Amino acid sequence: VMQSEAVLVAPAALQPDKERDLDKLCFRF
């Protein structure tokens, strides 16, 4: 029915400083 794997999820919007931290983490990943 569906294929799955691990994903990084977040709310639709984060505070700007947390969004920047998330972007930095994604860059490393």
mmCIF file of all heavy atoms, coordinates in Angstrom:
data_MODEL
# 
_entry.id   MODEL 
# 
loop_
_atom_site.group_PDB 
_atom_site.id 
_atom_site.type_symbol 
_atom_site.label_atom_id 
_atom_site.label_alt_id 
_atom_site.label_comp_id 
_atom_site.label_asym_id 
_atom_site.label_entity_id 
_atom_site.label_seq_id 
_atom_site.pdbx_PDB_ins_code 
_atom_site.Cartn_x 
_atom_site.Cartn_y 
_atom_site.Cartn_z 
_atom_site.occupancy 
_atom_site.B_iso_or_equiv 
_atom_site.pdbx_formal_charge 
_atom_site.auth_seq_id 
_atom_site.auth_comp_id 
_atom_site.auth_asym_id 
_atom_site.auth_atom_id 
_atom_site.pdbx_PDB_model_num 
ATOM 1   N N   . VAL A 1 1  ? 0.819  -1.207 0.000  1.00 0.00 ? 1  VAL A N   1 
ATOM 2   C CA  . VAL A 1 1  ? 0.000  0.000  0.000  1.00 0.00 ? 1  VAL A CA  1 
ATOM 3   C C   . VAL A 1 1  ? 0.857  1.262  0.000  1.00 0.00 ? 1  VAL A C   1 
ATOM 4   O O   . VAL A 1 1  ? 0.537  2.238  -0.669 1.00 0.00 ? 1  VAL A O   1 
ATOM 5   C CB  . VAL A 1 1  ? -0.952 -0.006 1.214  1.00 0.00 ? 1  VAL A CB  1 
ATOM 6   C CG1 . VAL A 1 1  ? -1.702 1.318  1.334  1.00 0.00 ? 1  VAL A CG1 1 
ATOM 7   C CG2 . VAL A 1 1  ? -1.938 -1.160 1.092  1.00 0.00 ? 1  VAL A CG2 1 
ATOM 8   N N   . MET A 1 2  ? 1.948  1.270  0.767  1.00 0.00 ? 2  MET A N   1 
ATOM 9   C CA  . MET A 1 2  ? 2.825  2.440  0.768  1.00 0.00 ? 2  MET A CA  1 
ATOM 10  C C   . MET A 1 2  ? 4.249  2.046  1.123  1.00 0.00 ? 2  MET A C   1 
ATOM 11  O O   . MET A 1 2  ? 4.467  1.060  1.838  1.00 0.00 ? 2  MET A O   1 
ATOM 12  C CB  . MET A 1 2  ? 2.325  3.526  1.714  1.00 0.00 ? 2  MET A CB  1 
ATOM 13  C CG  . MET A 1 2  ? 2.506  3.254  3.186  1.00 0.00 ? 2  MET A CG  1 
ATOM 14  S SD  . MET A 1 2  ? 2.194  4.713  4.246  1.00 0.00 ? 2  MET A SD  1 
ATOM 15  C CE  . MET A 1 2  ? 3.668  5.696  3.917  1.00 0.00 ? 2  MET A CE  1 
ATOM 16  N N   . GLN A 1 3  ? 5.200  2.807  0.602  1.00 0.00 ? 3  GLN A N   1 
ATOM 17  C CA  . GLN A 1 3  ? 6.604  2.678  0.964  1.00 0.00 ? 3  GLN A CA  1 
ATOM 18  C C   . GLN A 1 3  ? 6.913  3.710  2.034  1.00 0.00 ? 3  GLN A C   1 
ATOM 19  O O   . GLN A 1 3  ? 6.384  4.821  2.009  1.00 0.00 ? 3  GLN A O   1 
ATOM 20  C CB  . GLN A 1 3  ? 7.507  2.911  -0.255 1.00 0.00 ? 3  GLN A CB  1 
ATOM 21  C CG  . GLN A 1 3  ? 7.292  1.929  -1.391 1.00 0.00 ? 3  GLN A CG  1 
ATOM 22  C CD  . GLN A 1 3  ? 7.867  0.557  -1.102 1.00 0.00 ? 3  GLN A CD  1 
ATOM 23  O OE1 . GLN A 1 3  ? 8.673  0.384  -0.189 1.00 0.00 ? 3  GLN A OE1 1 
ATOM 24  N NE2 . GLN A 1 3  ? 7.470  -0.425 -1.896 1.00 0.00 ? 3  GLN A NE2 1 
ATOM 25  N N   . SER A 1 4  ? 7.760  3.327  2.990  1.00 0.00 ? 4  SER A N   1 
ATOM 26  C CA  . SER A 1 4  ? 8.076  4.238  4.081  1.00 0.00 ? 4  SER A CA  1 
ATOM 27  C C   . SER A 1 4  ? 9.571  4.275  4.324  1.00 0.00 ? 4  SER A C   1 
ATOM 28  O O   . SER A 1 4  ? 10.306 3.360  3.948  1.00 0.00 ? 4  SER A O   1 
ATOM 29  C CB  . SER A 1 4  ? 7.349  3.790  5.360  1.00 0.00 ? 4  SER A CB  1 
ATOM 30  O OG  . SER A 1 4  ? 7.631  4.672  6.443  1.00 0.00 ? 4  SER A OG  1 
ATOM 31  N N   . GLU A 1 5  ? 10.018 5.340  4.960  1.00 0.00 ? 5  GLU A N   1 
ATOM 32  C CA  . GLU A 1 5  ? 11.385 5.494  5.427  1.00 0.00 ? 5  GLU A CA  1 
ATOM 33  C C   . GLU A 1 5  ? 11.392 6.568  6.498  1.00 0.00 ? 5  GLU A C   1 
ATOM 34  O O   . GLU A 1 5  ? 10.358 7.213  6.749  1.00 0.00 ? 5  GLU A O   1 
ATOM 35  C CB  . GLU A 1 5  ? 12.332 5.874  4.288  1.00 0.00 ? 5  GLU A CB  1 
ATOM 36  C CG  . GLU A 1 5  ? 12.065 7.247  3.707  1.00 0.00 ? 5  GLU A CG  1 
ATOM 37  C CD  . GLU A 1 5  ? 13.054 7.619  2.613  1.00 0.00 ? 5  GLU A CD  1 
ATOM 38  O OE1 . GLU A 1 5  ? 14.227 7.888  2.946  1.00 0.00 ? 5  GLU A OE1 1 
ATOM 39  O OE2 . GLU A 1 5  ? 12.640 7.634  1.437  1.00 0.00 ? 5  GLU A OE2 1 
ATOM 40  N N   . ALA A 1 6  ? 12.514 6.758  7.150  1.00 0.00 ? 6  ALA A N   1 
ATOM 41  C CA  . ALA A 1 6  ? 12.615 7.808  8.164  1.00 0.00 ? 6  ALA A CA  1 
ATOM 42  C C   . ALA A 1 6  ? 12.592 9.171  7.488  1.00 0.00 ? 6  ALA A C   1 
ATOM 43  O O   . ALA A 1 6  ? 13.211 9.384  6.446  1.00 0.00 ? 6  ALA A O   1 
ATOM 44  C CB  . ALA A 1 6  ? 13.896 7.646  8.966  1.00 0.00 ? 6  ALA A CB  1 
ATOM 45  N N   . VAL A 1 7  ? 11.864 10.098 8.113  1.00 0.00 ? 7  VAL A N   1 
ATOM 46  C CA  . VAL A 1 7  ? 11.769 11.459 7.591  1.00 0.00 ? 7  VAL A CA  1 
ATOM 47  C C   . VAL A 1 7  ? 11.962 12.454 8.734  1.00 0.00 ? 7  VAL A C   1 
ATOM 48  O O   . VAL A 1 7  ? 11.711 12.145 9.903  1.00 0.00 ? 7  VAL A O   1 
ATOM 49  C CB  . VAL A 1 7  ? 10.406 11.726 6.898  1.00 0.00 ? 7  VAL A CB  1 
ATOM 50  C CG1 . VAL A 1 7  ? 10.279 10.927 5.621  1.00 0.00 ? 7  VAL A CG1 1 
ATOM 51  C CG2 . VAL A 1 7  ? 9.237  11.423 7.843  1.00 0.00 ? 7  VAL A CG2 1 
ATOM 52  N N   . LEU A 1 8  ? 12.419 13.637 8.371  1.00 0.00 ? 8  LEU A N   1 
ATOM 53  C CA  . LEU A 1 8  ? 12.494 14.760 9.302  1.00 0.00 ? 8  LEU A CA  1 
ATOM 54  C C   . LEU A 1 8  ? 11.249 15.595 9.082  1.00 0.00 ? 8  LEU A C   1 
ATOM 55  O O   . LEU A 1 8  ? 10.997 16.060 7.970  1.00 0.00 ? 8  LEU A O   1 
ATOM 56  C CB  . LEU A 1 8  ? 13.755 15.584 9.043  1.00 0.00 ? 8  LEU A CB  1 
ATOM 57  C CG  . LEU A 1 8  ? 13.937 16.850 9.886  1.00 0.00 ? 8  LEU A CG  1 
ATOM 58  C CD1 . LEU A 1 8  ? 14.133 16.507 11.359 1.00 0.00 ? 8  LEU A CD1 1 
ATOM 59  C CD2 . LEU A 1 8  ? 15.136 17.661 9.376  1.00 0.00 ? 8  LEU A CD2 1 
ATOM 60  N N   . VAL A 1 9  ? 10.441 15.758 10.130 1.00 0.00 ? 9  VAL A N   1 
ATOM 61  C CA  . VAL A 1 9  ? 9.196  16.508 10.006 1.00 0.00 ? 9  VAL A CA  1 
ATOM 62  C C   . VAL A 1 9  ? 9.219  17.718 10.931 1.00 0.00 ? 9  VAL A C   1 
ATOM 63  O O   . VAL A 1 9  ? 9.953  17.751 11.927 1.00 0.00 ? 9  VAL A O   1 
ATOM 64  C CB  . VAL A 1 9  ? 7.973  15.623 10.329 1.00 0.00 ? 9  VAL A CB  1 
ATOM 65  C CG1 . VAL A 1 9  ? 7.826  14.508 9.309  1.00 0.00 ? 9  VAL A CG1 1 
ATOM 66  C CG2 . VAL A 1 9  ? 8.058  15.055 11.752 1.00 0.00 ? 9  VAL A CG2 1 
ATOM 67  N N   . ALA A 1 10 ? 8.401  18.698 10.596 1.00 0.00 ? 10 ALA A N   1 
ATOM 68  C CA  . ALA A 1 10 ? 8.299  19.927 11.393 1.00 0.00 ? 10 ALA A CA  1 
ATOM 69  C C   . ALA A 1 10 ? 6.911  20.503 11.182 1.00 0.00 ? 10 ALA A C   1 
ATOM 70  O O   . ALA A 1 10 ? 6.210  20.145 10.229 1.00 0.00 ? 10 ALA A O   1 
ATOM 71  C CB  . ALA A 1 10 ? 9.372  20.927 10.966 1.00 0.00 ? 10 ALA A CB  1 
ATOM 72  N N   . PRO A 1 11 ? 6.481  21.413 12.057 1.00 0.00 ? 11 PRO A N   1 
ATOM 73  C CA  . PRO A 1 11 ? 5.198  22.104 11.827 1.00 0.00 ? 11 PRO A CA  1 
ATOM 74  C C   . PRO A 1 11 ? 5.268  22.966 10.568 1.00 0.00 ? 11 PRO A C   1 
ATOM 75  O O   . PRO A 1 11 ? 6.348  23.205 10.015 1.00 0.00 ? 11 PRO A O   1 
ATOM 76  C CB  . PRO A 1 11 ? 5.042  22.977 13.085 1.00 0.00 ? 11 PRO A CB  1 
ATOM 77  C CG  . PRO A 1 11 ? 6.019  22.448 14.078 1.00 0.00 ? 11 PRO A CG  1 
ATOM 78  C CD  . PRO A 1 11 ? 7.143  21.850 13.285 1.00 0.00 ? 11 PRO A CD  1 
ATOM 79  N N   . ALA A 1 12 ? 4.117  23.437 10.159 1.00 0.00 ? 12 ALA A N   1 
ATOM 80  C CA  . ALA A 1 12 ? 4.072  24.288 8.963  1.00 0.00 ? 12 ALA A CA  1 
ATOM 81  C C   . ALA A 1 12 ? 4.941  25.521 9.122  1.00 0.00 ? 12 ALA A C   1 
ATOM 82  O O   . ALA A 1 12 ? 5.532  26.013 8.156  1.00 0.00 ? 12 ALA A O   1 
ATOM 83  C CB  . ALA A 1 12 ? 2.627  24.685 8.659  1.00 0.00 ? 12 ALA A CB  1 
ATOM 84  N N   . ALA A 1 13 ? 5.041  26.041 10.338 1.00 0.00 ? 13 ALA A N   1 
ATOM 85  C CA  . ALA A 1 13 ? 5.847  27.245 10.580 1.00 0.00 ? 13 ALA A CA  1 
ATOM 86  C C   . ALA A 1 13 ? 6.563  27.119 11.917 1.00 0.00 ? 13 ALA A C   1 
ATOM 87  O O   . ALA A 1 13 ? 6.021  26.576 12.878 1.00 0.00 ? 13 ALA A O   1 
ATOM 88  C CB  . ALA A 1 13 ? 4.969  28.489 10.561 1.00 0.00 ? 13 ALA A CB  1 
ATOM 89  N N   . LEU A 1 14 ? 7.798  27.616 11.950 1.00 0.00 ? 14 LEU A N   1 
ATOM 90  C CA  . LEU A 1 14 ? 8.585  27.685 13.172 1.00 0.00 ? 14 LEU A CA  1 
ATOM 91  C C   . LEU A 1 14 ? 9.025  29.128 13.397 1.00 0.00 ? 14 LEU A C   1 
ATOM 92  O O   . LEU A 1 14 ? 9.019  29.942 12.461 1.00 0.00 ? 14 LEU A O   1 
ATOM 93  C CB  . LEU A 1 14 ? 9.834  26.795 13.059 1.00 0.00 ? 14 LEU A CB  1 
ATOM 94  C CG  . LEU A 1 14 ? 9.666  25.285 13.199 1.00 0.00 ? 14 LEU A CG  1 
ATOM 95  C CD1 . LEU A 1 14 ? 10.974 24.587 12.830 1.00 0.00 ? 14 LEU A CD1 1 
ATOM 96  C CD2 . LEU A 1 14 ? 9.237  24.897 14.613 1.00 0.00 ? 14 LEU A CD2 1 
ATOM 97  N N   . GLN A 1 15 ? 9.422  29.434 14.615 1.00 0.00 ? 15 GLN A N   1 
ATOM 98  C CA  . GLN A 1 15 ? 10.018 30.738 14.871 1.00 0.00 ? 15 GLN A CA  1 
ATOM 99  C C   . GLN A 1 15 ? 11.264 30.880 13.999 1.00 0.00 ? 15 GLN A C   1 
ATOM 100 O O   . GLN A 1 15 ? 11.956 29.895 13.721 1.00 0.00 ? 15 GLN A O   1 
ATOM 101 C CB  . GLN A 1 15 ? 10.391 30.856 16.347 1.00 0.00 ? 15 GLN A CB  1 
ATOM 102 C CG  . GLN A 1 15 ? 9.204  30.829 17.289 1.00 0.00 ? 15 GLN A CG  1 
ATOM 103 C CD  . GLN A 1 15 ? 9.632  30.833 18.744 1.00 0.00 ? 15 GLN A CD  1 
ATOM 104 O OE1 . GLN A 1 15 ? 10.814 30.989 19.056 1.00 0.00 ? 15 GLN A OE1 1 
ATOM 105 N NE2 . GLN A 1 15 ? 8.665  30.661 19.636 1.00 0.00 ? 15 GLN A NE2 1 
ATOM 106 N N   . PRO A 1 16 ? 11.579 32.097 13.553 1.00 0.00 ? 16 PRO A N   1 
ATOM 107 C CA  . PRO A 1 16 ? 12.697 32.288 12.625 1.00 0.00 ? 16 PRO A CA  1 
ATOM 108 C C   . PRO A 1 16 ? 14.019 31.696 13.105 1.00 0.00 ? 16 PRO A C   1 
ATOM 109 O O   . PRO A 1 16 ? 14.760 31.097 12.317 1.00 0.00 ? 16 PRO A O   1 
ATOM 110 C CB  . PRO A 1 16 ? 12.784 33.812 12.492 1.00 0.00 ? 16 PRO A CB  1 
ATOM 111 C CG  . PRO A 1 16 ? 11.388 34.282 12.745 1.00 0.00 ? 16 PRO A CG  1 
ATOM 112 C CD  . PRO A 1 16 ? 10.841 33.358 13.784 1.00 0.00 ? 16 PRO A CD  1 
ATOM 113 N N   . ASP A 1 17 ? 14.334 31.832 14.406 1.00 0.00 ? 17 ASP A N   1 
ATOM 114 C CA  . ASP A 1 17 ? 15.608 31.298 14.880 1.00 0.00 ? 17 ASP A CA  1 
ATOM 115 C C   . ASP A 1 17 ? 15.625 29.771 14.842 1.00 0.00 ? 17 ASP A C   1 
ATOM 116 O O   . ASP A 1 17 ? 16.650 29.156 14.519 1.00 0.00 ? 17 ASP A O   1 
ATOM 117 C CB  . ASP A 1 17 ? 15.913 31.804 16.295 1.00 0.00 ? 17 ASP A CB  1 
ATOM 118 C CG  . ASP A 1 17 ? 14.830 31.427 17.298 1.00 0.00 ? 17 ASP A CG  1 
ATOM 119 O OD1 . ASP A 1 17 ? 13.652 31.281 16.899 1.00 0.00 ? 17 ASP A OD1 1 
ATOM 120 O OD2 . ASP A 1 17 ? 15.157 31.259 18.495 1.00 0.00 ? 17 ASP A OD2 1 
ATOM 121 N N   . LYS A 1 18 ? 14.489 29.146 15.138 1.00 0.00 ? 18 LYS A N   1 
ATOM 122 C CA  . LYS A 1 18 ? 14.415 27.688 15.079 1.00 0.00 ? 18 LYS A CA  1 
ATOM 123 C C   . LYS A 1 18 ? 14.441 27.193 13.635 1.00 0.00 ? 18 LYS A C   1 
ATOM 124 O O   . LYS A 1 18 ? 15.003 26.139 13.338 1.00 0.00 ? 18 LYS A O   1 
ATOM 125 C CB  . LYS A 1 18 ? 13.174 27.193 15.813 1.00 0.00 ? 18 LYS A CB  1 
ATOM 126 C CG  . LYS A 1 18 ? 13.211 27.467 17.318 1.00 0.00 ? 18 LYS A CG  1 
ATOM 127 C CD  . LYS A 1 18 ? 11.996 26.900 18.014 1.00 0.00 ? 18 LYS A CD  1 
ATOM 128 C CE  . LYS A 1 18 ? 12.007 27.230 19.505 1.00 0.00 ? 18 LYS A CE  1 
ATOM 129 N NZ  . LYS A 1 18 ? 13.130 26.580 20.203 1.00 0.00 ? 18 LYS A NZ  1 
ATOM 130 N N   . GLU A 1 19 ? 13.828 27.962 12.735 1.00 0.00 ? 19 GLU A N   1 
ATOM 131 C CA  . GLU A 1 19 ? 13.864 27.589 11.317 1.00 0.00 ? 19 GLU A CA  1 
ATOM 132 C C   . GLU A 1 19 ? 15.298 27.637 10.802 1.00 0.00 ? 19 GLU A C   1 
ATOM 133 O O   . GLU A 1 19 ? 15.720 26.780 10.010 1.00 0.00 ? 19 GLU A O   1 
ATOM 134 C CB  . GLU A 1 19 ? 12.970 28.524 10.504 1.00 0.00 ? 19 GLU A CB  1 
ATOM 135 C CG  . GLU A 1 19 ? 12.716 28.069 9.080  1.00 0.00 ? 19 GLU A CG  1 
ATOM 136 C CD  . GLU A 1 19 ? 11.837 26.838 8.994  1.00 0.00 ? 19 GLU A CD  1 
ATOM 137 O OE1 . GLU A 1 19 ? 10.789 26.793 9.654  1.00 0.00 ? 19 GLU A OE1 1 
ATOM 138 O OE2 . GLU A 1 19 ? 12.224 25.899 8.264  1.00 0.00 ? 19 GLU A OE2 1 
ATOM 139 N N   . ARG A 1 20 ? 16.067 28.617 11.255 1.00 0.00 ? 20 ARG A N   1 
ATOM 140 C CA  . ARG A 1 20 ? 17.474 28.704 10.850 1.00 0.00 ? 20 ARG A CA  1 
ATOM 141 C C   . ARG A 1 20 ? 18.257 27.499 11.383 1.00 0.00 ? 20 ARG A C   1 
ATOM 142 O O   . ARG A 1 20 ? 19.086 26.927 10.678 1.00 0.00 ? 20 ARG A O   1 
ATOM 143 C CB  . ARG A 1 20 ? 18.094 30.016 11.344 1.00 0.00 ? 20 ARG A CB  1 
ATOM 144 C CG  . ARG A 1 20 ? 17.666 31.245 10.555 1.00 0.00 ? 20 ARG A CG  1 
ATOM 145 C CD  . ARG A 1 20 ? 18.526 32.452 10.898 1.00 0.00 ? 20 ARG A CD  1 
ATOM 146 N NE  . ARG A 1 20 ? 18.328 32.879 12.283 1.00 0.00 ? 20 ARG A NE  1 
ATOM 147 C CZ  . ARG A 1 20 ? 17.402 33.758 12.650 1.00 0.00 ? 20 ARG A CZ  1 
ATOM 148 N NH1 . ARG A 1 20 ? 16.597 34.295 11.753 1.00 0.00 ? 20 ARG A NH1 1 
ATOM 149 N NH2 . ARG A 1 20 ? 17.291 34.108 13.924 1.00 0.00 ? 20 ARG A NH2 1 
ATOM 150 N N   . ASP A 1 21 ? 17.981 27.127 12.626 1.00 0.00 ? 21 ASP A N   1 
ATOM 151 C CA  . ASP A 1 21 ? 18.650 25.949 13.189 1.00 0.00 ? 21 ASP A CA  1 
ATOM 152 C C   . ASP A 1 21 ? 18.281 24.688 12.400 1.00 0.00 ? 21 ASP A C   1 
ATOM 153 O O   . ASP A 1 21 ? 19.134 23.826 12.156 1.00 0.00 ? 21 ASP A O   1 
ATOM 154 C CB  . ASP A 1 21 ? 18.263 25.761 14.658 1.00 0.00 ? 21 ASP A CB  1 
ATOM 155 C CG  . ASP A 1 21 ? 18.948 26.755 15.581 1.00 0.00 ? 21 ASP A CG  1 
ATOM 156 O OD1 . ASP A 1 21 ? 19.965 27.356 15.156 1.00 0.00 ? 21 ASP A OD1 1 
ATOM 157 O OD2 . ASP A 1 21 ? 18.476 26.942 16.713 1.00 0.00 ? 21 ASP A OD2 1 
ATOM 158 N N   . LEU A 1 22 ? 17.017 24.589 12.015 1.00 0.00 ? 22 LEU A N   1 
ATOM 159 C CA  . LEU A 1 22 ? 16.577 23.430 11.238 1.00 0.00 ? 22 LEU A CA  1 
ATOM 160 C C   . LEU A 1 22 ? 17.274 23.395 9.883  1.00 0.00 ? 22 LEU A C   1 
ATOM 161 O O   . LEU A 1 22 ? 17.689 22.328 9.405  1.00 0.00 ? 22 LEU A O   1 
ATOM 162 C CB  . LEU A 1 22 ? 15.058 23.471 11.061 1.00 0.00 ? 22 LEU A CB  1 
ATOM 163 C CG  . LEU A 1 22 ? 14.414 22.244 10.409 1.00 0.00 ? 22 LEU A CG  1 
ATOM 164 C CD1 . LEU A 1 22 ? 14.636 20.998 11.262 1.00 0.00 ? 22 LEU A CD1 1 
ATOM 165 C CD2 . LEU A 1 22 ? 12.917 22.467 10.209 1.00 0.00 ? 22 LEU A CD2 1 
ATOM 166 N N   . ASP A 1 23 ? 17.425 24.557 9.256  1.00 0.00 ? 23 ASP A N   1 
ATOM 167 C CA  . ASP A 1 23 ? 18.136 24.636 7.971  1.00 0.00 ? 23 ASP A CA  1 
ATOM 168 C C   . ASP A 1 23 ? 19.591 24.185 8.124  1.00 0.00 ? 23 ASP A C   1 
ATOM 169 O O   . ASP A 1 23 ? 20.125 23.477 7.257  1.00 0.00 ? 23 ASP A O   1 
ATOM 170 C CB  . ASP A 1 23 ? 18.090 26.064 7.425  1.00 0.00 ? 23 ASP A CB  1 
ATOM 171 C CG  . ASP A 1 23 ? 16.719 26.456 6.906  1.00 0.00 ? 23 ASP A CG  1 
ATOM 172 O OD1 . ASP A 1 23 ? 15.898 25.552 6.667  1.00 0.00 ? 23 ASP A OD1 1 
ATOM 173 O OD2 . ASP A 1 23 ? 16.472 27.662 6.739  1.00 0.00 ? 23 ASP A OD2 1 
ATOM 174 N N   . LYS A 1 24 ? 20.229 24.587 9.217  1.00 0.00 ? 24 LYS A N   1 
ATOM 175 C CA  . LYS A 1 24 ? 21.613 24.180 9.458  1.00 0.00 ? 24 LYS A CA  1 
ATOM 176 C C   . LYS A 1 24 ? 21.712 22.668 9.645  1.00 0.00 ? 24 LYS A C   1 
ATOM 177 O O   . LYS A 1 24 ? 22.644 22.022 9.158  1.00 0.00 ? 24 LYS A O   1 
ATOM 178 C CB  . LYS A 1 24 ? 22.164 24.898 10.690 1.00 0.00 ? 24 LYS A CB  1 
ATOM 179 C CG  . LYS A 1 24 ? 22.369 26.394 10.515 1.00 0.00 ? 24 LYS A CG  1 
ATOM 180 C CD  . LYS A 1 24 ? 22.829 27.036 11.825 1.00 0.00 ? 24 LYS A CD  1 
ATOM 181 C CE  . LYS A 1 24 ? 22.959 28.540 11.709 1.00 0.00 ? 24 LYS A CE  1 
ATOM 182 N NZ  . LYS A 1 24 ? 23.345 29.167 13.002 1.00 0.00 ? 24 LYS A NZ  1 
ATOM 183 N N   . LEU A 1 25 ? 20.746 22.112 10.368 1.00 0.00 ? 25 LEU A N   1 
ATOM 184 C CA  . LEU A 1 25 ? 20.730 20.669 10.581 1.00 0.00 ? 25 LEU A CA  1 
ATOM 185 C C   . LEU A 1 25 ? 20.528 19.931 9.258  1.00 0.00 ? 25 LEU A C   1 
ATOM 186 O O   . LEU A 1 25 ? 21.208 18.944 8.971  1.00 0.00 ? 25 LEU A O   1 
ATOM 187 C CB  . LEU A 1 25 ? 19.622 20.317 11.566 1.00 0.00 ? 25 LEU A CB  1 
ATOM 188 C CG  . LEU A 1 25 ? 19.596 18.894 12.119 1.00 0.00 ? 25 LEU A CG  1 
ATOM 189 C CD1 . LEU A 1 25 ? 20.859 18.609 12.927 1.00 0.00 ? 25 LEU A CD1 1 
ATOM 190 C CD2 . LEU A 1 25 ? 18.358 18.682 12.979 1.00 0.00 ? 25 LEU A CD2 1 
ATOM 191 N N   . CYS A 1 26 ? 19.613 20.426 8.427  1.00 0.00 ? 26 CYS A N   1 
ATOM 192 C CA  . CYS A 1 26 ? 19.369 19.818 7.114  1.00 0.00 ? 26 CYS A CA  1 
ATOM 193 C C   . CYS A 1 26 ? 20.614 19.889 6.238  1.00 0.00 ? 26 CYS A C   1 
ATOM 194 O O   . CYS A 1 26 ? 20.899 18.958 5.476  1.00 0.00 ? 26 CYS A O   1 
ATOM 195 C CB  . CYS A 1 26 ? 18.197 20.513 6.425  1.00 0.00 ? 26 CYS A CB  1 
ATOM 196 S SG  . CYS A 1 26 ? 16.598 20.151 7.157  1.00 0.00 ? 26 CYS A SG  1 
ATOM 197 N N   . PHE A 1 27 ? 21.344 20.998 6.326  1.00 0.00 ? 27 PHE A N   1 
ATOM 198 C CA  . PHE A 1 27 ? 22.581 21.142 5.553  1.00 0.00 ? 27 PHE A CA  1 
ATOM 199 C C   . PHE A 1 27 ? 23.566 20.035 5.907  1.00 0.00 ? 27 PHE A C   1 
ATOM 200 O O   . PHE A 1 27 ? 24.168 19.416 5.028  1.00 0.00 ? 27 PHE A O   1 
ATOM 201 C CB  . PHE A 1 27 ? 23.189 22.517 5.829  1.00 0.00 ? 27 PHE A CB  1 
ATOM 202 C CG  . PHE A 1 27 ? 24.532 22.733 5.192  1.00 0.00 ? 27 PHE A CG  1 
ATOM 203 C CD1 . PHE A 1 27 ? 24.637 23.006 3.833  1.00 0.00 ? 27 PHE A CD1 1 
ATOM 204 C CD2 . PHE A 1 27 ? 25.693 22.648 5.937  1.00 0.00 ? 27 PHE A CD2 1 
ATOM 205 C CE1 . PHE A 1 27 ? 25.875 23.201 3.238  1.00 0.00 ? 27 PHE A CE1 1 
ATOM 206 C CE2 . PHE A 1 27 ? 26.933 22.837 5.352  1.00 0.00 ? 27 PHE A CE2 1 
ATOM 207 C CZ  . PHE A 1 27 ? 27.025 23.115 4.002  1.00 0.00 ? 27 PHE A CZ  1 
ATOM 208 N N   . ARG A 1 28 ? 23.695 19.754 7.198  1.00 0.00 ? 28 ARG A N   1 
ATOM 209 C CA  . ARG A 1 28 ? 24.597 18.677 7.627  1.00 0.00 ? 28 ARG A CA  1 
ATOM 210 C C   . ARG A 1 28 ? 24.090 17.317 7.156  1.00 0.00 ? 28 ARG A C   1 
ATOM 211 O O   . ARG A 1 28 ? 24.863 16.495 6.656  1.00 0.00 ? 28 ARG A O   1 
ATOM 212 C CB  . ARG A 1 28 ? 24.746 18.692 9.146  1.00 0.00 ? 28 ARG A CB  1 
ATOM 213 C CG  . ARG A 1 28 ? 25.421 19.933 9.698  1.00 0.00 ? 28 ARG A CG  1 
ATOM 214 C CD  . ARG A 1 28 ? 25.853 19.700 11.134 1.00 0.00 ? 28 ARG A CD  1 
ATOM 215 N NE  . ARG A 1 28 ? 26.296 20.920 11.792 1.00 0.00 ? 28 ARG A NE  1 
ATOM 216 C CZ  . ARG A 1 28 ? 26.911 20.953 12.970 1.00 0.00 ? 28 ARG A CZ  1 
ATOM 217 N NH1 . ARG A 1 28 ? 27.134 19.806 13.619 1.00 0.00 ? 28 ARG A NH1 1 
ATOM 218 N NH2 . ARG A 1 28 ? 27.290 22.089 13.510 1.00 0.00 ? 28 ARG A NH2 1 
ATOM 219 N N   . PHE A 1 29 ? 22.802 17.079 7.347  1.00 0.00 ? 29 PHE A N   1 
ATOM 220 C CA  . PHE A 1 29 ? 22.237 15.788 6.945  1.00 0.00 ? 29 PHE A CA  1 
ATOM 221 C C   . PHE A 1 29 ? 22.394 15.569 5.447  1.00 0.00 ? 29 PHE A C   1 
ATOM 222 O O   . PHE A 1 29 ? 22.741 14.473 4.991  1.00 0.00 ? 29 PHE A O   1 
ATOM 223 C CB  . PHE A 1 29 ? 20.753 15.727 7.307  1.00 0.00 ? 29 PHE A CB  1 
ATOM 224 C CG  . PHE A 1 29 ? 20.470 15.540 8.783  1.00 0.00 ? 29 PHE A CG  1 
ATOM 225 C CD1 . PHE A 1 29 ? 19.171 15.620 9.253  1.00 0.00 ? 29 PHE A CD1 1 
ATOM 226 C CD2 . PHE A 1 29 ? 21.487 15.269 9.678  1.00 0.00 ? 29 PHE A CD2 1 
ATOM 227 C CE1 . PHE A 1 29 ? 18.892 15.443 10.605 1.00 0.00 ? 29 PHE A CE1 1 
ATOM 228 C CE2 . PHE A 1 29 ? 21.224 15.098 11.033 1.00 0.00 ? 29 PHE A CE2 1 
ATOM 229 C CZ  . PHE A 1 29 ? 19.916 15.175 11.497 1.00 0.00 ? 29 PHE A CZ  1 
# 
